[in-house]
Each structure stands twice: as structure tokens, then as C-alpha cells.
Amino acid sequence: MKYLMLPLMLVACLAQASVITISDDFEGVNPSSNWISFTNFTDNVNTTSSVSYPGSGGIPTHWARTLESYTTAGAQYEAMYLFSTPYNPVYQGAISFINFSLDTIRVTTAGSLYVRAVVEQGGTYYVAGNISPTTSWASSSATLTSANFAPNFFPASHPNFTSLGGPLSFGYLIGSNTFPVGPGAPADLSPIAGVDNFKYDLNVPNPTVPEPGSWSLMLVGACFVGRRWMLRARS
């Protein structure tokens, strides 16, 4: 009977919950290859954004620097950056919750500035949280479920983290609005924000089990080891 415990222990190990990490500390040779950028919202067609990756000043060195260029006071713009590697709950397992963390900094003082977590699924962009960067690097973190993410202006809609949901992409959003208007307003309406050490820890209670072929190979291996134990016990 004890020799049957090995395959059972193998199954139990495979069934354990896991944490799948999607992260970028921007220290790679070409950080831009990890990211896909989008415009999430704008009320001024002349507003644009650009991102660069300075080699110093981050935590510890490289970081992502986003400049949003405004031509009209009072305009609003949101730039969104999605990590290029998606996660598919159908094949990889449903997500129960996410631990999100990000370091942020405000490089300029003009206008308002905010950073939010982003999930994309089926062409819809869902946002959560609201980080207000300060002029020094600061770390922010949050535990998020699908209910915490919703599209702008549609708070009742949420991404599907279950095994029935489609592929998910994760990232962050940088936005700004409500610039000063009138006498005394700053001439430069273009704020700069920085982020570093982007990280999503996906908590997956039941990772997808291996394909039948993989099961067969593992069980054959387990039986082989069990047989070795039996022969050793008899000798």
C-alpha cells in the first residue's frame, strides 16, 4: 500500500496553489520590447505621450519615464502600458486575486498626475486603484480581485479571472488632468511621471494540470521508482 503513496503524493503536489509573477524592473538590455503602449483616453487630439528608459535615477538604476505633452490647459490624457506577455486562465488556471506593486515618482510639478493598475481582456481595458506620485520614489501595493477592475465610465463591468475567461494582459496607466487655467498658470503643461519595479503576483489556487501525455510520463516514472523501492525492500 505504501508504494501507492508516491503517485498520490505526486498528484497532491501538482494540485497545490501557485503564484505566477509578471514583472519588469526595467534593468534589461531593451525594456521597450516588454511593453505595448496605448492611448486610453484623451479630450484633446493634440495631446501625446512618450516613454524612455533612463539608465540612472531609478531603483536602483533604470526606470520608465513617461512625458505627457499638453497644448491646452484643462486637457486630460491617459497613456497605458501593457506587458507584452499575456496570461490565459483557460490553460494556466483561474486567478483568485492579484498582489500588485509598483514604485512611482513625479518628476515635474505641473498639473495633476495619477497611476493605476490595468488589465486588458477581449479588447476592453479595466483599471483599478489610484496612485498619486510624489517628488520622491515611493512604493505602492494593493491586493486586487476582478471586482476591483472596471473600465472608465462603466463601473459594473469587470474582467473574467475564471477558467472561462479569455487571455489577460497586465500593465499600468499614467494619466493627468485639471491643469491650472488663467493668470499665473505654469507655461509648461506637460507632466513627467516615472515608474519602476512593476510586479503582478497572480494567485492561482488550481494551476492547470498537465496534458494526458505528461501525466502518463510522470506516472510511469513514479511506478518505476516504486518498483525500485519494492525490489530493494525484498532484498
Foldseek 3Di string as FASTA:
>chain_A
DVLVVLLVVVVVVQFAWDKDKDWDQLPDPDVCVFKDKDWQDWPDPPKDKDWDWAQQDGVHGTWIKMKIADDDAQIKTKMWIWGPDKDFCLQWAFFAKKKWKKKKAWCDDFFFKWKWKWKDFPNAIWTADIHGHYHDIDMDIDIGGQLRTDGVPGNVDGAGRHSPGGIMIITMMMMGGNTDDDPPGDPGNMIMMIMGTTMMITIGRGTHGDDPVVSVVVVVVSVVVSVVVVVVVVD
